[in-house]
Structures are given as C-alpha cells and as structure tokens.
Amino acid sequence: MAKLMRELGTALFPLRLGPPELTAGNENRWVEPRWNRPCRSWARRSRSNCASAIRHRRGAIIHYRVAHYLHYLGAPLVARVIAEVAHSATGIDIHPGATIGRSFFIDHGTGFVIGETARIGDRVRIYQGVTLGGEPRAAGAARGADVKERRHPTIEDDVVIFAGAMLLGPITIGARSQIGANVAPDSLVKHAAPTIRVQNSSTRSSNSPNTMVEA
C-alpha cells in the first residue's frame, strides 16, 4: 500500500514529487506509464477491479486510504471525488481529512459517516448507522478558515461503537470503551477501571461466607 501511495503521488504531482530532470515539456510522457501502473495495482488489490471491490466494506476503506493520502498531498478535490465514489456505491461516507488508524473494521456500514477532523485509533470496530459528526462552525466563520480546528470526535484504541450511535462534537472516547447509545457534546467517555475479587478458599466452610477482597 505504501508503494502504491508513492506511485500515485508521483503520477499526480510529477514536477513536485518526481525525478529532478522532469520539466513541463516532458512530464506528460513520463507520467502516462506511471499512472497506469498504480491504477492496475489498485485494481488487483481491490479483487480484480475497482468496480467490484467498491461494493465491499474493504473497498470503502481502500478508497479512503487513497483519498486521505491525496488530501495530505494537497489534492483535496481529487480526494473528495474518490470519497464520493465510495460513498455512492457503499453508503459509507468518510471524509478524506479524517485520520484512521490500523486494523479499522466496519461491520455492515450502511449510513456510516465520519467527519473531516475525526481521529480514530487502532483496532476500532464500528457498526452500521454510526455518525461521528462535527459541531457547527461559529456564525460568520469562513469555511475552511481553520482546517485544524477540532470539530469531530476522537476515538482511542480498541473501541467498539454499536449500531445507531451518534457522537457529535470534539468529544473523546477512551480506549477499550464500548458505545451503545448516543453521546452528547462536551462528553468524555472512559473505560472503567477493572475490579479484582480474591476468594480465600482456605476459609470457606459450609457455615461461613466466602471471603472477598475488592481492589
């Protein structure tokens, strides 16, 4: 995937990311074979072609990874087009600006929305109908005036978010949490500390209760 991303980057921005000998006069001849190679590689990775792979949740995640890389390179329009192709085919709407960690898993996916400044950690699992939405911009604020402003949720590692949950605004969902209901703005959800119970079997008898120590 990293090699594919590099090839796409050089094909889209040859004068910036390509070899130093490229000029405006020879870039088209250099780009053509290098554009075809990552497209063919992308198709193979997507189980024979992009049209068939996009019907699967895995295809939506692959399209997001490509779109996110292009967004990072400074091609937001191309990135948005790729994201909208995935959205129209799968019902999964992931903004290219969102940051998603490793081993991300979508179960079903219909009606699934992730906003631009959302941050998702590793090994997160999300079910259908989930929204990671943003709070509205301040009245009169120009669109895109501060793209780094955090407006969407942050989901830490190993979180499970079940169907229909709607998480809005710059909230934080702590590691290993499980979300089964809506969470309002200005919330902080943390996984509870484990409780340890020790049973002293040597003191057990038919006439005495179990000895329990909680920590």
Protein backbone atom coordinates (compact mmCIF):
# COMPACT_ATOMS: atom_id res chain seq x y z
CA MET A 1 0.00 0.00 0.00
CA ALA A 2 2.85 2.41 0.81
CA LYS A 3 4.41 1.77 -2.60
CA LEU A 4 1.04 2.33 -4.29
CA MET A 5 0.64 5.64 -2.46
CA ARG A 6 4.09 6.80 -3.57
CA GLU A 7 3.35 5.91 -7.20
CA LEU A 8 0.04 7.76 -7.11
CA GLY A 9 1.75 10.78 -5.58
CA THR A 10 4.42 11.00 -8.27
CA ALA A 11 1.84 10.48 -11.04
CA LEU A 12 -0.38 13.28 -9.73
CA PHE A 13 2.42 15.72 -8.83
CA PRO A 14 5.32 14.81 -11.15
CA LEU A 15 7.13 18.14 -11.02
CA ARG A 16 6.97 18.21 -7.22
CA LEU A 17 7.46 14.54 -6.30
CA GLY A 18 9.03 13.10 -9.46
CA PRO A 19 12.69 12.99 -10.53
CA PRO A 20 14.57 16.30 -10.79
CA GLU A 21 15.12 16.03 -14.57
CA LEU A 22 11.37 16.40 -15.29
CA THR A 23 10.21 19.59 -16.99
CA ALA A 24 6.89 20.94 -18.23
CA GLY A 25 7.87 19.69 -21.69
CA ASN A 26 8.46 16.03 -20.84
CA GLU A 27 6.23 15.40 -17.81
CA ASN A 28 3.26 14.04 -19.81
CA ARG A 29 5.37 11.37 -21.50
CA TRP A 30 6.83 10.38 -18.11
CA VAL A 31 3.50 10.35 -16.25
CA GLU A 32 1.46 8.13 -18.60
CA PRO A 33 3.08 4.73 -17.84
CA ARG A 34 3.41 5.59 -14.15
CA TRP A 35 -0.27 6.49 -13.89
CA ASN A 36 -1.33 3.18 -15.45
CA ARG A 37 0.81 1.08 -13.10
CA PRO A 38 -0.72 2.22 -9.78
CA CYS A 39 -4.20 2.02 -11.32
CA ARG A 40 -3.63 -1.59 -12.32
CA SER A 41 -2.11 -2.35 -8.92
CA TRP A 42 -5.06 -0.73 -7.18
CA ALA A 43 -7.46 -2.83 -9.26
CA ARG A 44 -5.62 -6.06 -8.37
CA ARG A 45 -5.67 -5.20 -4.68
CA SER A 46 -9.36 -4.48 -4.96
CA ARG A 47 -10.17 -8.05 -6.07
CA SER A 48 -9.99 -7.84 -9.86
CA ASN A 49 -11.24 -4.28 -10.38
CA CYS A 50 -12.33 -1.18 -8.53
CA ALA A 51 -15.98 -1.53 -9.54
CA SER A 52 -16.33 -4.91 -7.83
CA ALA A 53 -14.24 -4.08 -4.76
CA ILE A 54 -16.14 -0.89 -4.01
CA ARG A 55 -19.21 -2.98 -3.21
CA HIS A 56 -17.41 -4.33 -0.16
CA ARG A 57 -16.55 -2.60 3.10
CA ARG A 58 -12.89 -3.34 2.46
CA GLY A 59 -13.17 -1.46 -0.82
CA ALA A 60 -14.52 1.60 1.00
CA ILE A 61 -11.56 1.56 3.38
CA ILE A 62 -9.08 1.20 0.49
CA HIS A 63 -10.68 4.16 -1.24
CA TYR A 64 -10.45 6.16 1.99
CA ARG A 65 -6.72 5.37 2.35
CA VAL A 66 -6.06 6.59 -1.20
CA ALA A 67 -8.23 9.69 -0.76
CA HIS A 68 -6.61 10.54 2.58
CA TYR A 69 -3.15 10.36 1.06
CA LEU A 70 -4.17 12.64 -1.81
CA HIS A 71 -5.78 15.04 0.67
CA TYR A 72 -2.49 15.09 2.59
CA LEU A 73 -0.55 15.79 -0.64
CA GLY A 74 -2.70 18.84 -1.33
CA ALA A 75 -5.23 17.48 -3.84
CA PRO A 76 -8.49 17.81 -1.88
CA LEU A 77 -10.72 17.87 -4.97
CA VAL A 78 -9.39 14.57 -6.34
CA ALA A 79 -9.55 13.09 -2.84
CA ARG A 80 -13.16 14.18 -2.45
CA VAL A 81 -14.13 12.65 -5.80
CA ILE A 82 -12.68 9.29 -4.73
CA ALA A 83 -14.51 9.51 -1.40
CA GLU A 84 -17.81 10.31 -3.12
CA VAL A 85 -17.42 7.35 -5.49
CA ALA A 86 -17.06 5.08 -2.46
CA HIS A 87 -19.96 6.80 -0.70
CA SER A 88 -22.36 6.43 -3.63
CA ALA A 89 -21.57 2.72 -4.02
CA THR A 90 -21.46 1.62 -0.36
CA GLY A 91 -23.32 4.19 1.74
CA ILE A 92 -20.12 4.69 3.75
CA ASP A 93 -19.19 8.38 3.94
CA ILE A 94 -15.63 9.00 5.18
CA HIS A 95 -14.15 12.46 4.72
CA PRO A 96 -10.62 12.28 3.26
CA GLY A 97 -9.38 14.58 6.01
CA ALA A 98 -10.28 12.14 8.80
CA THR A 99 -7.45 10.18 10.42
CA ILE A 100 -7.98 6.44 10.88
CA GLY A 101 -5.52 4.04 12.50
CA ARG A 102 -4.60 0.45 11.75
CA SER A 103 -6.91 -2.60 11.69
CA PHE A 104 -10.04 -0.49 11.29
CA PHE A 105 -13.17 -2.64 10.87
CA ILE A 106 -16.62 -1.63 9.62
CA ASP A 107 -19.48 -4.07 10.22
CA HIS A 108 -22.24 -3.61 7.61
CA GLY A 109 -21.57 0.11 7.05
CA THR A 110 -24.88 1.45 5.70
CA GLY A 111 -25.49 5.02 6.86
CA PHE A 112 -21.96 5.33 8.24
CA VAL A 113 -20.48 8.87 8.49
CA ILE A 114 -17.03 10.08 9.63
CA GLY A 115 -16.33 13.81 9.58
CA GLU A 116 -13.28 15.78 8.49
CA THR A 117 -11.45 16.27 11.81
CA ALA A 118 -12.36 12.89 13.35
CA ARG A 119 -9.47 10.90 14.79
CA ILE A 120 -9.76 7.12 15.12
CA GLY A 121 -7.14 4.94 16.81
CA ASP A 122 -6.06 1.37 16.14
CA ARG A 123 -8.28 -1.74 16.14
CA VAL A 124 -11.53 0.22 16.29
CA ARG A 125 -14.76 -1.56 15.27
CA ILE A 126 -17.84 0.40 14.18
CA TYR A 127 -21.27 -0.87 13.18
CA GLN A 128 -23.86 0.48 10.74
CA GLY A 129 -25.66 3.78 11.16
CA VAL A 130 -22.93 5.38 13.26
CA THR A 131 -22.21 9.12 12.90
CA LEU A 132 -19.00 10.79 14.04
CA GLY A 133 -20.29 14.30 13.36
CA GLY A 134 -18.99 17.78 13.95
CA GLU A 135 -20.36 20.72 15.85
CA PRO A 136 -21.34 23.72 13.68
CA ARG A 137 -18.77 26.38 12.90
CA ALA A 138 -19.16 29.69 14.67
CA ALA A 139 -21.56 32.10 12.99
CA GLY A 140 -19.76 34.12 10.34
CA ALA A 141 -16.69 31.87 10.24
CA ALA A 142 -15.37 31.29 6.74
CA ARG A 143 -15.48 27.72 5.52
CA GLY A 144 -12.01 26.22 5.69
CA ALA A 145 -10.66 29.18 7.67
CA ASP A 146 -9.09 26.84 10.23
CA VAL A 147 -9.00 23.29 8.95
CA LYS A 148 -7.04 22.18 12.03
CA GLU A 149 -9.85 23.17 14.39
CA ARG A 150 -11.11 20.04 16.10
CA ARG A 151 -14.86 19.71 15.49
CA HIS A 152 -15.35 15.93 15.43
CA PRO A 153 -14.88 13.08 17.94
CA THR A 154 -11.60 11.42 18.84
CA ILE A 155 -11.88 7.63 19.22
CA GLU A 156 -8.99 5.97 21.02
CA ASP A 157 -7.69 2.41 20.54
CA ASP A 158 -9.77 -0.78 20.79
CA VAL A 159 -13.16 0.96 20.94
CA VAL A 160 -16.40 -0.69 19.76
CA ILE A 161 -19.26 1.58 18.64
CA PHE A 162 -22.54 -0.24 18.08
CA ALA A 163 -25.28 0.45 15.55
CA GLY A 164 -27.06 3.77 15.53
CA ALA A 165 -24.75 5.67 17.88
CA MET A 166 -24.41 9.38 17.12
CA LEU A 167 -21.29 11.05 18.54
CA LEU A 168 -21.20 14.81 17.92
CA GLY A 169 -18.56 17.44 18.52
CA PRO A 170 -14.95 17.33 19.81
CA ILE A 171 -15.56 14.62 22.41
CA THR A 172 -13.08 11.89 23.37
CA ILE A 173 -13.95 8.20 23.63
CA GLY A 174 -11.36 6.49 25.83
CA ALA A 175 -9.50 3.31 24.90
CA ARG A 176 -11.39 -0.02 25.16
CA SER A 177 -14.79 1.68 25.59
CA GLN A 178 -17.99 0.24 24.16
CA ILE A 179 -20.61 2.71 22.95
CA GLY A 180 -24.18 1.56 22.53
CA ALA A 181 -26.06 4.87 22.79
CA ASN A 182 -25.78 8.47 21.70
CA VAL A 183 -23.12 10.67 23.28
CA ALA A 184 -23.67 14.43 23.53
CA PRO A 185 -21.10 17.22 23.00
CA ASP A 186 -18.64 18.06 25.84
CA SER A 187 -18.64 14.42 26.95
CA LEU A 188 -15.63 12.30 27.92
CA VAL A 189 -16.17 8.54 27.95
CA LYS A 190 -13.61 6.38 29.74
CA HIS A 191 -13.34 2.66 30.29
CA ALA A 192 -13.95 1.80 33.94
CA ALA A 193 -11.00 0.52 35.99
CA PRO A 194 -11.17 -3.26 36.50
CA THR A 195 -12.31 -4.67 39.87
CA ILE A 196 -10.28 -7.52 41.33
CA ARG A 197 -12.00 -10.02 43.59
CA VAL A 198 -9.98 -12.52 45.60
CA GLN A 199 -11.71 -15.53 47.13
CA ASN A 200 -9.90 -17.14 50.06
CA SER A 201 -10.73 -20.81 49.62
CA SER A 202 -8.94 -21.84 52.85
CA THR A 203 -11.54 -20.05 54.96
CA ARG A 204 -14.54 -21.50 53.17
CA SER A 205 -16.85 -23.77 55.07
CA SER A 206 -20.47 -24.78 54.90
CA ASN A 207 -21.24 -22.36 57.74
CA SER A 208 -19.12 -19.32 56.70
CA PRO A 209 -19.49 -16.99 53.74
CA ASN A 210 -16.79 -16.58 51.12
CA THR A 211 -14.08 -14.08 51.92
CA MET A 212 -13.96 -11.35 49.26
CA VAL A 213 -11.45 -8.55 48.92
CA GLU A 214 -12.12 -5.81 46.37
CA ALA A 215 -9.35 -3.63 44.97
